[in-house]
Amino acid sequence: MLWMETYLLYCSVRLGVVVVALLAFIQVYVPAALLLIMGMDAVDPIIKLLENDYEYGKSPFVRKQINWIENHVQAFIVLTVTMLTIHTLCCGLAIFGALKLKKWFLLPFIVTEFVRVIFCFASHIILMIILKKKLNLGLLITVTLAGGFAILYLGYNWATSVALYQIIELIHTERYRQLYGDDPFNPQLPPSYGTYTPPPLYGTVENVRVLTTPRSSDINQQKQAQGVSKFPRSRKQQPVIAVLPANYRNNNTQYQYNNLSQQKQYEQYQSQQNEFGNWQWSELMVGRQRKPVISRNW
């Protein structure tokens, strides 16, 4: 599985390795030149930070390394410059391997760049532990985040070189040669490339009618083109049409009969009220008229 197919989502991995090797060459060449020009003056600030720190200043391992550097200055400079020079040579080999697609020229750069990333990561952690008591919180957070993103970018560059190594292995396989030829710089497209059409998922579609929605700004123009004015015409009041049920006659007769019977009862009730006042009819009944009413209620 390839680690990446493009560098920074813009250029090819091959060009990305060239850029990464050039950046690594600059990052290694500058410290080597400062060490050769300035000597131990370039390293003294770091040594003083380690000596003045409460934790690392008393560490036996740190004290042993500082004493060795102070007693063997020339050996330290020669060893450091030699290591940096080897890394610059590996950068040149990586550029050549990327241009010529030679994977074995990438291996030294992959190894040395991995060591440099680990060294920068450890140095950043130690430096932040030392500076946490000398910087305010805001500046410490800013420096920590900036160093973390820088180391993350170094790791991404190292992964780019590994991805190019995988790609070079892929283009030298037999299957790749059968498909694209022996020359990786001028690949030959297979005969079936661009001619294969996948079958339709839902069968063939015929007589397709595309309906387009007009824009809102074109509606008035379309109305004018069709002879329709912008303002709607006044419409005449339409007559109200009553819808009657099918059995209207039977229902209407029954309704009139019920209405007449209710009206007669109401008139009879009004006449009783006018005649007897507030007395109830059951209270005024006597004899044979009251007996059936009482037997019916009980």
Protein backbone atom coordinates (compact mmCIF):
# COMPACT_ATOMS: atom_id res chain seq x y z
CA MET A 1 0.00 0.00 0.00
CA LEU A 2 1.43 3.36 -1.05
CA TRP A 3 1.85 5.89 1.72
CA MET A 4 1.03 8.81 -0.56
CA GLU A 5 0.39 9.58 -4.22
CA THR A 6 1.05 13.33 -4.26
CA TYR A 7 3.26 15.66 -2.26
CA LEU A 8 1.25 18.29 -0.38
CA LEU A 9 -1.70 17.48 -2.65
CA TYR A 10 -0.03 19.44 -5.46
CA CYS A 11 2.98 17.83 -7.13
CA SER A 12 4.19 14.31 -7.76
CA VAL A 13 6.03 12.26 -5.15
CA ARG A 14 9.12 12.23 -7.35
CA LEU A 15 9.29 16.03 -7.42
CA GLY A 16 8.43 16.09 -3.74
CA VAL A 17 11.50 14.00 -2.87
CA VAL A 18 13.69 16.44 -4.80
CA VAL A 19 12.22 19.33 -2.80
CA VAL A 20 12.60 17.40 0.47
CA ALA A 21 16.26 16.57 -0.26
CA LEU A 22 17.03 20.22 -1.09
CA LEU A 23 15.39 21.41 2.14
CA ALA A 24 17.27 18.80 4.16
CA PHE A 25 20.53 19.83 2.50
CA ILE A 26 19.98 23.46 3.55
CA GLN A 27 18.93 22.49 7.09
CA VAL A 28 22.09 20.42 7.55
CA TYR A 29 24.52 22.69 5.72
CA VAL A 30 23.70 25.80 7.83
CA PRO A 31 24.62 24.25 11.23
CA ALA A 32 27.77 22.71 9.77
CA ALA A 33 28.88 26.06 8.36
CA LEU A 34 28.16 27.82 11.67
CA LEU A 35 30.13 25.23 13.59
CA LEU A 36 33.11 25.58 11.26
CA ILE A 37 33.02 29.37 11.35
CA MET A 38 32.14 30.07 14.96
CA GLY A 39 33.54 26.96 16.61
CA MET A 40 32.28 26.25 20.13
CA ASP A 41 30.61 29.64 20.35
CA ALA A 42 27.69 28.13 18.44
CA VAL A 43 27.30 25.34 21.04
CA ASP A 44 27.99 27.23 24.28
CA PRO A 45 24.39 28.56 24.77
CA ILE A 46 23.03 25.00 24.66
CA ILE A 47 25.69 23.75 27.08
CA LYS A 48 24.91 26.57 29.53
CA LEU A 49 21.21 25.76 29.44
CA LEU A 50 21.95 22.14 30.36
CA GLU A 51 24.38 23.09 33.13
CA ASN A 52 22.08 25.67 34.74
CA ASP A 53 19.02 23.41 34.72
CA TYR A 54 18.11 21.86 38.05
CA GLU A 55 17.25 18.43 36.63
CA TYR A 56 19.70 17.93 33.77
CA GLY A 57 22.57 19.83 35.43
CA LYS A 58 22.89 17.09 38.06
CA SER A 59 22.39 14.16 35.71
CA PRO A 60 25.54 11.96 35.53
CA PHE A 61 25.00 11.21 31.84
CA VAL A 62 24.65 14.89 30.91
CA ARG A 63 27.66 15.87 33.00
CA LYS A 64 29.74 13.17 31.36
CA GLN A 65 28.84 14.36 27.85
CA ILE A 66 29.51 18.01 28.69
CA ASN A 67 32.92 17.16 30.20
CA TRP A 68 33.85 15.16 27.10
CA ILE A 69 32.89 18.05 24.81
CA GLU A 70 34.87 20.56 26.86
CA ASN A 71 37.94 18.33 26.97
CA HIS A 72 37.81 17.23 23.31
CA VAL A 73 36.64 20.29 21.39
CA GLN A 74 38.39 19.46 18.12
CA ALA A 75 37.13 15.89 18.13
CA PHE A 76 33.58 17.07 18.77
CA ILE A 77 33.70 19.56 15.89
CA VAL A 78 35.21 17.03 13.49
CA LEU A 79 32.68 14.33 14.47
CA THR A 80 29.69 16.68 14.15
CA VAL A 81 30.81 18.14 10.81
CA THR A 82 31.50 14.64 9.47
CA MET A 83 28.02 13.43 10.37
CA LEU A 84 26.43 16.50 8.80
CA THR A 85 28.55 16.08 5.67
CA ILE A 86 27.44 12.45 5.33
CA HIS A 87 23.84 13.58 5.53
CA THR A 88 24.40 16.17 2.81
CA LEU A 89 25.86 13.45 0.59
CA CYS A 90 22.79 11.33 1.24
CA CYS A 91 20.65 14.28 0.14
CA GLY A 92 22.54 14.40 -3.16
CA LEU A 93 22.06 10.65 -3.63
CA ALA A 94 18.35 11.01 -2.96
CA ILE A 95 18.03 13.69 -5.64
CA PHE A 96 19.85 11.48 -8.13
CA GLY A 97 17.74 8.46 -7.21
CA ALA A 98 14.52 10.44 -7.62
CA LEU A 99 15.52 11.77 -11.03
CA LYS A 100 16.72 8.39 -12.33
CA LEU A 101 14.19 6.27 -10.40
CA LYS A 102 16.87 4.25 -8.58
CA LYS A 103 15.52 3.01 -5.28
CA TRP A 104 18.87 2.00 -3.76
CA PHE A 105 20.05 5.61 -3.88
CA LEU A 106 17.12 6.54 -1.65
CA LEU A 107 17.94 4.13 1.19
CA PRO A 108 20.82 6.18 2.75
CA PHE A 109 18.66 9.30 2.78
CA ILE A 110 15.72 7.42 4.31
CA VAL A 111 17.91 6.09 7.16
CA THR A 112 19.74 9.35 7.92
CA GLU A 113 16.58 11.45 7.66
CA PHE A 114 14.79 9.13 10.09
CA VAL A 115 17.67 9.53 12.58
CA ARG A 116 17.53 13.31 12.17
CA VAL A 117 13.76 13.38 12.81
CA ILE A 118 14.16 11.34 16.00
CA PHE A 119 17.03 13.59 17.14
CA CYS A 120 15.00 16.76 16.52
CA PHE A 121 12.01 15.31 18.35
CA ALA A 122 14.05 14.39 21.44
CA SER A 123 15.88 17.74 21.41
CA HIS A 124 12.58 19.62 21.23
CA ILE A 125 11.18 17.77 24.25
CA ILE A 126 14.32 18.36 26.34
CA LEU A 127 14.48 22.03 25.35
CA MET A 128 10.81 22.62 26.29
CA ILE A 129 11.37 20.97 29.69
CA ILE A 130 14.30 23.30 30.34
CA LEU A 131 12.51 26.45 29.12
CA LYS A 132 9.23 25.87 30.97
CA LYS A 133 10.66 27.69 34.05
CA LYS A 134 12.18 30.56 32.07
CA LEU A 135 9.35 31.53 29.70
CA ASN A 136 5.84 32.70 30.40
CA LEU A 137 2.96 30.39 29.63
CA GLY A 138 1.82 32.06 26.40
CA LEU A 139 5.27 32.11 24.82
CA LEU A 140 5.95 28.55 25.97
CA ILE A 141 2.76 27.29 24.32
CA THR A 142 3.60 29.14 21.09
CA VAL A 143 7.14 27.75 20.93
CA THR A 144 5.92 24.24 21.74
CA LEU A 145 3.28 24.28 19.00
CA ALA A 146 5.67 25.79 16.44
CA GLY A 147 8.32 23.17 17.16
CA GLY A 148 5.73 20.39 17.08
CA PHE A 149 4.46 21.41 13.64
CA ALA A 150 8.03 21.73 12.35
CA ILE A 151 8.85 18.20 13.49
CA LEU A 152 5.58 16.95 12.02
CA TYR A 153 6.57 18.46 8.67
CA LEU A 154 9.97 16.71 8.89
CA GLY A 155 8.18 13.42 9.48
CA TYR A 156 5.95 14.07 6.46
CA ASN A 157 9.02 14.69 4.31
CA TRP A 158 10.55 11.44 5.48
CA ALA A 159 7.31 9.59 4.61
CA THR A 160 7.51 11.13 1.11
CA SER A 161 10.89 9.50 0.50
CA VAL A 162 9.51 6.16 1.68
CA ALA A 163 6.52 6.55 -0.67
CA LEU A 164 8.84 7.14 -3.64
CA TYR A 165 10.75 3.98 -2.72
CA GLN A 166 7.46 2.05 -2.85
CA ILE A 167 6.55 3.58 -6.20
CA ILE A 168 9.92 2.65 -7.72
CA GLU A 169 9.43 -0.93 -6.53
CA LEU A 170 5.98 -0.93 -8.14
CA ILE A 171 7.10 0.27 -11.57
CA HIS A 172 9.74 -2.45 -11.77
CA THR A 173 7.27 -5.29 -11.27
CA GLU A 174 6.37 -7.62 -14.12
CA ARG A 175 2.70 -6.73 -14.05
CA TYR A 176 3.47 -3.01 -14.45
CA ARG A 177 5.75 -3.73 -17.42
CA GLN A 178 3.06 -5.79 -19.12
CA LEU A 179 0.58 -2.95 -18.80
CA TYR A 180 2.72 0.15 -19.37
CA GLY A 181 5.93 -1.07 -20.99
CA ASP A 182 9.56 -1.21 -19.86
CA ASP A 183 10.22 2.53 -19.92
CA PRO A 184 8.76 4.18 -16.77
CA PHE A 185 9.48 7.69 -18.15
CA ASN A 186 7.31 7.05 -21.24
CA PRO A 187 4.56 4.67 -20.17
CA GLN A 188 2.43 3.11 -22.89
CA LEU A 189 -1.29 3.11 -22.30
CA PRO A 190 -2.94 -0.30 -22.65
CA PRO A 191 -5.11 -0.87 -25.76
CA SER A 192 -8.30 -1.03 -23.70
CA TYR A 193 -7.60 2.27 -21.94
CA GLY A 194 -10.34 4.80 -22.62
CA THR A 195 -12.46 2.43 -24.73
CA TYR A 196 -14.11 0.48 -21.95
CA THR A 197 -17.57 1.70 -21.08
CA PRO A 198 -19.18 0.19 -17.99
CA PRO A 199 -22.66 -1.28 -18.46
CA PRO A 200 -25.53 0.91 -17.28
CA LEU A 201 -26.76 0.09 -13.81
CA TYR A 202 -30.47 0.56 -14.56
CA GLY A 203 -30.63 -0.58 -18.18
CA THR A 204 -30.89 1.56 -21.26
CA VAL A 205 -32.81 4.82 -21.05
CA GLU A 206 -34.58 6.09 -24.15
CA ASN A 207 -36.65 9.16 -24.97
CA VAL A 208 -35.32 11.22 -22.12
CA ARG A 209 -37.06 14.56 -21.72
CA VAL A 210 -35.12 17.17 -19.79
CA LEU A 211 -37.22 19.76 -17.98
CA THR A 212 -35.44 22.99 -17.15
CA THR A 213 -36.60 25.39 -14.48
CA PRO A 214 -36.53 29.03 -15.65
CA ARG A 215 -34.71 31.58 -13.62
CA SER A 216 -36.70 33.88 -11.40
CA SER A 217 -35.39 36.93 -13.26
CA ASP A 218 -36.64 35.62 -16.61
CA ILE A 219 -40.27 35.06 -15.63
CA ASN A 220 -41.46 38.57 -16.52
CA GLN A 221 -39.69 38.40 -19.86
CA GLN A 222 -41.29 35.04 -20.62
CA LYS A 223 -44.71 36.42 -19.71
CA GLN A 224 -44.22 39.39 -22.01
CA ALA A 225 -43.05 37.07 -24.78
CA GLN A 226 -46.21 35.00 -24.37
CA GLY A 227 -48.45 38.09 -24.28
CA VAL A 228 -49.17 37.96 -20.55
CA SER A 229 -49.05 41.27 -18.71
CA LYS A 230 -47.19 41.73 -15.45
CA PHE A 231 -50.34 42.62 -13.51
CA PRO A 232 -53.15 40.03 -13.35
CA ARG A 233 -56.43 40.88 -15.02
CA SER A 234 -59.49 41.55 -12.89
CA ARG A 235 -61.65 38.49 -12.74
CA LYS A 236 -65.45 38.65 -12.58
CA GLN A 237 -67.16 37.29 -9.54
CA GLN A 238 -68.06 33.72 -10.22
CA PRO A 239 -71.56 32.47 -9.25
CA VAL A 240 -71.79 30.21 -6.25
CA ILE A 241 -72.93 26.74 -7.21
CA ALA A 242 -74.75 24.79 -4.49
CA VAL A 243 -74.31 21.06 -4.53
CA LEU A 244 -77.29 19.08 -3.22
CA PRO A 245 -77.31 15.42 -2.28
CA ALA A 246 -79.05 12.83 -4.43
CA ASN A 247 -81.89 12.19 -1.91
CA TYR A 248 -82.52 15.88 -1.40
CA ARG A 249 -86.30 15.63 -1.76
CA ASN A 250 -86.81 12.91 0.89
CA ASN A 251 -84.45 14.57 3.37
CA ASN A 252 -86.05 17.95 2.80
CA THR A 253 -89.60 16.59 3.46
CA GLN A 254 -88.45 14.93 6.68
CA TYR A 255 -86.67 18.10 7.75
CA GLN A 256 -89.79 20.22 7.15
CA TYR A 257 -91.94 17.75 9.12
CA ASN A 258 -89.57 17.75 12.07
CA ASN A 259 -89.34 21.50 12.00
CA LEU A 260 -93.16 21.88 12.10
CA SER A 261 -93.52 19.42 14.97
CA GLN A 262 -90.86 21.23 17.02
CA GLN A 263 -92.52 24.56 16.32
CA LYS A 264 -95.92 23.22 17.55
CA GLN A 265 -94.37 21.91 20.75
CA TYR A 266 -92.70 25.24 21.40
CA GLU A 267 -95.96 27.13 20.85
CA GLN A 268 -97.76 24.74 23.20
CA TYR A 269 -95.04 25.29 25.82
CA GLN A 270 -95.36 29.06 25.46
CA SER A 271 -99.12 28.88 25.87
CA GLN A 272 -98.73 26.81 29.05
CA GLN A 273 -96.23 29.27 30.46
CA ASN A 274 -98.53 32.15 29.77
CA GLU A 275 -101.49 30.33 31.35
CA PHE A 276 -99.90 28.80 34.48
CA GLY A 277 -97.01 31.18 35.10
CA ASN A 278 -94.09 29.59 36.94
CA TRP A 279 -96.09 26.50 38.01
CA GLN A 280 -95.09 23.20 36.44
CA TRP A 281 -97.68 21.23 34.54
CA SER A 282 -97.21 18.16 36.79
CA GLU A 283 -97.99 20.26 39.87
CA LEU A 284 -101.28 21.46 38.40
CA MET A 285 -102.52 18.04 37.33
CA VAL A 286 -105.18 16.47 39.54
CA GLY A 287 -107.01 13.20 39.70
CA ARG A 288 -106.75 10.99 36.68
CA GLN A 289 -104.32 13.30 34.87
CA ARG A 290 -101.64 13.15 37.60
CA LYS A 291 -101.78 9.43 38.39
CA PRO A 292 -100.34 8.15 35.06
CA VAL A 293 -97.57 10.77 35.23
CA ILE A 294 -96.52 9.67 38.70
CA SER A 295 -96.58 5.97 37.77
CA ARG A 296 -94.50 6.73 34.64
CA ASN A 297 -91.80 8.65 36.57
CA TRP A 298 -91.44 5.96 39.28
